[in-house]
Structures are given as structure tokens and as C-alpha cells.
């Protein structure tokens, strides 16, 4: 993890593949949201809109899981290895917010 700037600095240098994956997922979600907006503008049937909202929500949850896993494997693991135990408290706080 040499050369990485982690969460304790409030920035994170991602690998090219990690960056590409996250941006691809976000672009897909953004497209889904634009599609939902278009459905509302076209007065689409409620159930059809709700189905698309559910798909967008699942995609955002998947993005969250990938980002969280990457965070734990890099930032958290590195900080623990370096003896920065306050990162555990930060992770616990983040998980509590995600589970609301």
C-alpha cells in the first residue's frame, strides 16, 4: 500500500482498476436516476417507476458494499498495521450510519 494516501488524510489514491470500477458503477446509477426522472416526467405508471427505483437502490447498495470493502482492505488495514486504532472507531461510526 506504499504511495497510498489513506482516509486519515481524507483522500485516497485508488488503483486504476478500482477507480474505473467505481466510476462505471456511478455512471450506471446516474443513468438509472435520469431514467426514473424521465419516467416521472412522462407520467409513467407508479409500479413501473417503483421497479426502477428498486433497481437503482440495489445498484447504490452494491456500490456502497464495494467501496466499503475496498476501504477496509486498504485504509483500515493499513492504519491498523501502523497502530492507528482510532480508525476502528471511525469504521464503527461509518457502519452505524450505513445501517440506519
N, C-alpha and C. Protein backbone atom coordinates (compact mmCIF):
# COMPACT_ATOMS: atom_id res chain seq x y z
N UNK A 1 0.82 -1.18 0.00
CA UNK A 1 0.00 0.00 0.00
C UNK A 1 0.87 1.25 0.00
N UNK A 2 2.07 1.06 -0.40
CA UNK A 2 3.01 2.15 -0.49
C UNK A 2 2.52 3.18 -1.49
N UNK A 3 2.68 4.45 -1.13
CA UNK A 3 2.27 5.51 -2.03
C UNK A 3 0.80 5.87 -1.92
N UNK A 4 0.04 5.13 -1.14
CA UNK A 4 -1.38 5.43 -0.99
C UNK A 4 -1.57 6.47 0.09
N UNK A 5 -2.46 7.38 -0.17
CA UNK A 5 -2.85 8.35 0.84
C UNK A 5 -4.21 7.89 1.35
N UNK A 6 -4.27 7.56 2.63
CA UNK A 6 -5.49 6.94 3.13
C UNK A 6 -6.41 7.91 3.84
N UNK A 7 -7.42 7.34 4.42
CA UNK A 7 -8.55 8.08 4.97
C UNK A 7 -8.17 9.03 6.09
N UNK A 8 -7.08 8.76 6.77
CA UNK A 8 -6.67 9.66 7.85
C UNK A 8 -6.32 11.04 7.28
N UNK A 9 -6.03 11.11 6.00
CA UNK A 9 -5.74 12.38 5.32
C UNK A 9 -6.95 12.86 4.54
N UNK A 10 -8.04 12.16 4.63
CA UNK A 10 -9.29 12.46 3.94
C UNK A 10 -9.18 12.44 2.43
N UNK A 11 -8.17 11.74 1.92
CA UNK A 11 -8.06 11.46 0.49
C UNK A 11 -7.66 10.00 0.34
N UNK A 12 -7.82 9.48 -0.86
CA UNK A 12 -7.50 8.08 -1.12
C UNK A 12 -7.05 7.94 -2.56
N UNK A 13 -5.83 7.49 -2.75
CA UNK A 13 -5.34 7.20 -4.09
C UNK A 13 -5.80 5.78 -4.43
N UNK A 14 -6.59 5.67 -5.49
CA UNK A 14 -7.13 4.37 -5.88
C UNK A 14 -6.34 3.82 -7.06
N UNK A 15 -6.33 2.49 -7.15
CA UNK A 15 -5.73 1.88 -8.33
C UNK A 15 -6.59 2.25 -9.53
N UNK A 16 -6.00 2.15 -10.70
CA UNK A 16 -6.75 2.47 -11.92
C UNK A 16 -7.99 1.59 -12.05
N UNK A 17 -7.86 0.30 -11.71
CA UNK A 17 -8.99 -0.61 -11.82
C UNK A 17 -10.09 -0.28 -10.82
N UNK A 18 -9.71 0.04 -9.58
CA UNK A 18 -10.70 0.41 -8.57
C UNK A 18 -11.44 1.67 -8.99
N UNK A 19 -10.69 2.67 -9.46
CA UNK A 19 -11.29 3.92 -9.92
C UNK A 19 -12.27 3.65 -11.07
N UNK A 20 -11.82 2.87 -12.04
CA UNK A 20 -12.64 2.57 -13.22
C UNK A 20 -13.94 1.86 -12.82
N UNK A 21 -13.83 0.89 -11.90
CA UNK A 21 -15.00 0.15 -11.44
C UNK A 21 -15.99 1.06 -10.73
N UNK A 22 -15.49 1.90 -9.84
CA UNK A 22 -16.39 2.80 -9.10
C UNK A 22 -17.07 3.79 -10.03
N UNK A 23 -16.33 4.37 -10.95
CA UNK A 23 -16.91 5.34 -11.89
C UNK A 23 -17.93 4.66 -12.80
N UNK A 24 -17.64 3.45 -13.26
CA UNK A 24 -18.59 2.71 -14.10
C UNK A 24 -19.89 2.48 -13.34
N UNK A 25 -19.78 2.06 -12.09
CA UNK A 25 -20.98 1.84 -11.27
C UNK A 25 -21.76 3.14 -11.08
N UNK A 26 -21.05 4.22 -10.78
CA UNK A 26 -21.72 5.51 -10.58
C UNK A 26 -22.38 6.02 -11.86
N UNK A 27 -21.73 5.83 -12.98
CA UNK A 27 -22.33 6.23 -14.26
C UNK A 27 -23.62 5.46 -14.53
N UNK A 28 -23.60 4.17 -14.20
CA UNK A 28 -24.79 3.34 -14.39
C UNK A 28 -25.92 3.83 -13.48
N UNK A 29 -25.59 4.12 -12.23
CA UNK A 29 -26.59 4.61 -11.28
C UNK A 29 -27.14 5.96 -11.74
N UNK A 30 -26.25 6.83 -12.19
CA UNK A 30 -26.67 8.14 -12.68
C UNK A 30 -27.65 7.99 -13.85
N UNK A 31 -27.35 7.06 -14.74
CA UNK A 31 -28.26 6.79 -15.86
C UNK A 31 -29.61 6.28 -15.38
N UNK A 32 -29.59 5.42 -14.37
CA UNK A 32 -30.84 4.91 -13.83
C UNK A 32 -31.67 6.04 -13.23
N UNK A 33 -31.03 6.95 -12.51
CA UNK A 33 -31.74 8.07 -11.90
C UNK A 33 -32.33 8.99 -12.97
N UNK A 34 -31.56 9.26 -14.01
CA UNK A 34 -32.09 10.07 -15.12
C UNK A 34 -33.28 9.36 -15.77
N UNK A 35 -33.19 8.05 -15.88
CA UNK A 35 -34.30 7.29 -16.45
C UNK A 35 -35.55 7.38 -15.59
N UNK A 36 -35.37 7.32 -14.28
CA UNK A 36 -36.51 7.45 -13.36
C UNK A 36 -37.14 8.84 -13.49
N UNK A 37 -36.29 9.85 -13.55
CA UNK A 37 -36.79 11.22 -13.72
C UNK A 37 -37.61 11.33 -15.00
N UNK A 38 -37.09 10.74 -16.07
CA UNK A 38 -37.82 10.75 -17.34
C UNK A 38 -39.16 10.04 -17.24
N UNK A 39 -39.19 8.95 -16.49
CA UNK A 39 -40.46 8.23 -16.30
C UNK A 39 -41.48 9.10 -15.58
N UNK A 40 -41.03 9.83 -14.57
CA UNK A 40 -41.94 10.73 -13.84
C UNK A 40 -42.43 11.83 -14.78
N UNK A 41 -41.51 12.38 -15.56
CA UNK A 41 -41.88 13.45 -16.50
C UNK A 41 -42.86 12.96 -17.55
N UNK A 42 -42.79 11.68 -17.90
CA UNK A 42 -43.69 11.11 -18.91
C UNK A 42 -44.95 10.50 -18.28
N UNK A 43 -45.13 10.72 -16.98
CA UNK A 43 -46.29 10.19 -16.27
C UNK A 43 -46.40 8.67 -16.35
N UNK A 44 -45.26 8.00 -16.20
CA UNK A 44 -45.26 6.54 -16.22
C UNK A 44 -46.05 6.01 -15.03
N UNK A 45 -46.49 4.79 -15.16
CA UNK A 45 -47.27 4.13 -14.11
C UNK A 45 -46.39 3.95 -12.86
N UNK A 46 -46.98 4.18 -11.69
CA UNK A 46 -46.26 4.15 -10.42
C UNK A 46 -45.45 2.87 -10.22
N UNK A 47 -46.05 1.73 -10.49
CA UNK A 47 -45.37 0.46 -10.27
C UNK A 47 -44.13 0.33 -11.14
N UNK A 48 -44.21 0.83 -12.36
CA UNK A 48 -43.05 0.80 -13.25
C UNK A 48 -41.92 1.67 -12.70
N UNK A 49 -42.27 2.84 -12.18
CA UNK A 49 -41.26 3.72 -11.59
C UNK A 49 -40.66 3.07 -10.35
N UNK A 50 -41.51 2.51 -9.51
CA UNK A 50 -41.03 1.86 -8.29
C UNK A 50 -40.07 0.72 -8.58
N UNK A 51 -40.32 -0.02 -9.63
CA UNK A 51 -39.44 -1.10 -10.04
C UNK A 51 -38.06 -0.55 -10.39
N UNK A 52 -38.04 0.56 -11.11
CA UNK A 52 -36.77 1.18 -11.48
C UNK A 52 -36.07 1.80 -10.26
N UNK A 53 -36.83 2.36 -9.34
CA UNK A 53 -36.24 2.90 -8.11
C UNK A 53 -35.59 1.78 -7.31
N UNK A 54 -36.25 0.64 -7.26
CA UNK A 54 -35.70 -0.51 -6.55
C UNK A 54 -34.37 -0.96 -7.18
N UNK A 55 -34.33 -0.97 -8.50
CA UNK A 55 -33.09 -1.36 -9.19
C UNK A 55 -31.98 -0.35 -8.92
N UNK A 56 -32.29 0.94 -8.93
CA UNK A 56 -31.29 1.97 -8.65
C UNK A 56 -30.80 1.87 -7.21
N UNK A 57 -31.72 1.61 -6.31
CA UNK A 57 -31.36 1.46 -4.90
C UNK A 57 -30.43 0.26 -4.70
N UNK A 58 -30.72 -0.84 -5.36
CA UNK A 58 -29.87 -2.03 -5.27
C UNK A 58 -28.48 -1.73 -5.84
N UNK A 59 -28.42 -0.98 -6.93
CA UNK A 59 -27.14 -0.62 -7.53
C UNK A 59 -26.33 0.28 -6.59
N UNK A 60 -26.99 1.20 -5.93
CA UNK A 60 -26.30 2.08 -4.98
C UNK A 60 -25.82 1.29 -3.77
N UNK A 61 -26.63 0.34 -3.31
CA UNK A 61 -26.20 -0.53 -2.20
C UNK A 61 -24.99 -1.37 -2.60
N UNK A 62 -24.97 -1.84 -3.83
CA UNK A 62 -23.83 -2.62 -4.32
C UNK A 62 -22.58 -1.74 -4.38
N UNK A 63 -22.73 -0.51 -4.85
CA UNK A 63 -21.62 0.44 -4.87
C UNK A 63 -21.07 0.63 -3.46
N UNK A 64 -21.97 0.81 -2.49
CA UNK A 64 -21.58 1.01 -1.10
C UNK A 64 -20.78 -0.18 -0.58
N UNK A 65 -21.23 -1.38 -0.89
CA UNK A 65 -20.53 -2.59 -0.43
C UNK A 65 -19.13 -2.68 -1.02
N UNK A 66 -19.00 -2.37 -2.30
CA UNK A 66 -17.68 -2.42 -2.96
C UNK A 66 -16.76 -1.37 -2.35
N UNK A 67 -17.26 -0.14 -2.18
CA UNK A 67 -16.45 0.93 -1.62
C UNK A 67 -16.04 0.62 -0.18
N UNK A 68 -16.97 0.08 0.61
CA UNK A 68 -16.66 -0.28 1.99
C UNK A 68 -15.62 -1.39 2.05
N UNK A 69 -15.76 -2.39 1.22
CA UNK A 69 -14.78 -3.48 1.20
C UNK A 69 -13.40 -2.96 0.82
N UNK A 70 -13.34 -2.10 -0.19
CA UNK A 70 -12.05 -1.51 -0.58
C UNK A 70 -11.47 -0.69 0.56
N UNK A 71 -12.31 0.05 1.25
CA UNK A 71 -11.86 0.89 2.37
C UNK A 71 -11.26 0.02 3.47
N UNK A 72 -11.94 -1.06 3.81
CA UNK A 72 -11.45 -1.94 4.88
C UNK A 72 -10.14 -2.60 4.47
N UNK A 73 -10.06 -3.07 3.23
CA UNK A 73 -8.87 -3.77 2.76
C UNK A 73 -7.66 -2.87 2.61
N UNK A 74 -7.87 -1.58 2.41
CA UNK A 74 -6.74 -0.68 2.20
C UNK A 74 -6.57 0.25 3.39
N UNK A 75 -7.39 1.26 3.50
CA UNK A 75 -7.24 2.29 4.53
C UNK A 75 -7.25 1.72 5.94
N UNK A 76 -8.27 0.95 6.26
CA UNK A 76 -8.40 0.43 7.63
C UNK A 76 -7.26 -0.53 7.94
N UNK A 77 -6.99 -1.46 7.04
CA UNK A 77 -5.91 -2.43 7.28
C UNK A 77 -4.57 -1.74 7.45
N UNK A 78 -4.30 -0.76 6.60
CA UNK A 78 -3.03 -0.04 6.68
C UNK A 78 -2.93 0.73 8.00
N UNK A 79 -4.00 1.42 8.38
CA UNK A 79 -3.97 2.18 9.63
C UNK A 79 -3.80 1.28 10.85
N UNK A 80 -4.47 0.14 10.86
CA UNK A 80 -4.32 -0.79 11.98
C UNK A 80 -2.88 -1.31 12.03
N UNK A 81 -2.35 -1.64 10.87
CA UNK A 81 -0.96 -2.10 10.79
C UNK A 81 0.00 -1.05 11.33
N UNK A 82 -0.33 0.22 11.12
CA UNK A 82 0.51 1.33 11.59
C UNK A 82 0.18 1.74 13.03
N UNK A 83 -0.76 1.01 13.67
CA UNK A 83 -1.10 1.30 15.06
C UNK A 83 -2.08 2.43 15.26
N UNK A 84 -2.76 2.84 14.21
CA UNK A 84 -3.74 3.94 14.30
C UNK A 84 -5.11 3.35 14.64
N UNK A 85 -5.29 3.00 15.90
CA UNK A 85 -6.51 2.33 16.34
C UNK A 85 -7.75 3.21 16.25
N UNK A 86 -7.59 4.54 16.15
CA UNK A 86 -8.76 5.42 16.02
C UNK A 86 -9.53 5.14 14.74
N UNK A 87 -8.87 4.50 13.77
CA UNK A 87 -9.53 4.14 12.53
C UNK A 87 -10.66 3.14 12.78
N UNK A 88 -10.50 2.30 13.79
CA UNK A 88 -11.55 1.33 14.13
C UNK A 88 -12.80 2.07 14.58
N UNK A 89 -12.62 3.09 15.41
CA UNK A 89 -13.76 3.90 15.85
C UNK A 89 -14.44 4.58 14.67
N UNK A 90 -13.63 5.09 13.74
CA UNK A 90 -14.18 5.73 12.55
C UNK A 90 -14.99 4.72 11.73
N UNK A 91 -14.47 3.51 11.59
CA UNK A 91 -15.17 2.47 10.84
C UNK A 91 -16.48 2.10 11.52
N UNK A 92 -16.45 1.93 12.83
CA UNK A 92 -17.67 1.62 13.58
C UNK A 92 -18.72 2.72 13.38
N UNK A 93 -18.29 3.97 13.47
CA UNK A 93 -19.19 5.10 13.28
C UNK A 93 -19.78 5.09 11.86
N UNK A 94 -18.95 4.82 10.87
CA UNK A 94 -19.41 4.76 9.49
C UNK A 94 -20.42 3.64 9.31
N UNK A 95 -20.15 2.48 9.87
CA UNK A 95 -21.08 1.35 9.75
C UNK A 95 -22.41 1.66 10.43
N UNK A 96 -22.36 2.33 11.56
CA UNK A 96 -23.61 2.71 12.25
C UNK A 96 -24.44 3.64 11.38
N UNK A 97 -23.80 4.57 10.70
CA UNK A 97 -24.52 5.49 9.80
C UNK A 97 -25.12 4.72 8.61
N UNK A 98 -24.36 3.76 8.09
CA UNK A 98 -24.86 2.99 6.94
C UNK A 98 -26.03 2.09 7.29
N UNK A 99 -26.12 1.70 8.55
CA UNK A 99 -27.16 0.75 8.98
C UNK A 99 -28.42 1.42 9.49
N UNK A 100 -28.53 2.73 9.35
CA UNK A 100 -29.74 3.44 9.81
C UNK A 100 -30.93 3.04 8.99
